[in-house]
Amino acid sequence: MGADGGGTAGRSAAQWLWTLLRDLVGWLRREPVAVPEGCRAMSHSADARFVVWAVAAADLVVEVVVDAMVPAAYRVLHLLWVGCALVLCAGFGAMTARTPHLLDARVLRLRRGGSVMARRCGSVPTVPPRPRG
């Protein structure tokens, strides 16, 4: 259990990469996100994913130009680097899409690198989720 009560505060790089790849595969397969009984899922800001995708797209354009300048002997290495960068960007999008914030009657669990739990005070009106279209 992590110091913040979320259980993921002390993840190693290998555990983080495994989670990223698992979420990426689940996202590509369009598997449903498991939400605990009695909790309501609140998705992360789509703005964060948009910024990452914009940076990835700009990086891809730059990498095409850089690839023209890289000596032929190192092009394979460069393409592996570009592939890893794209997998990490797509994985970030998948991780934020597949680990929503959770809200129940007592606690709001904000999901980020580790989870932060905040107790609900009084009655907070809940807004029904927007229909996806």
Foldseek 3Di string as FASTA:
>chain_A
DDPQPFPQPPDDPVRVVVLLVVLLVCVVVVPDADDDPQKDFDADDVVVLVVLVVVLVVVVVVLVVVLVVDPPVCNVVSVVVNVVSVSVSSSVVSVRGRDTFIDHPFWTWHDDSGIHIDTDDDDDDDDDDDDDD
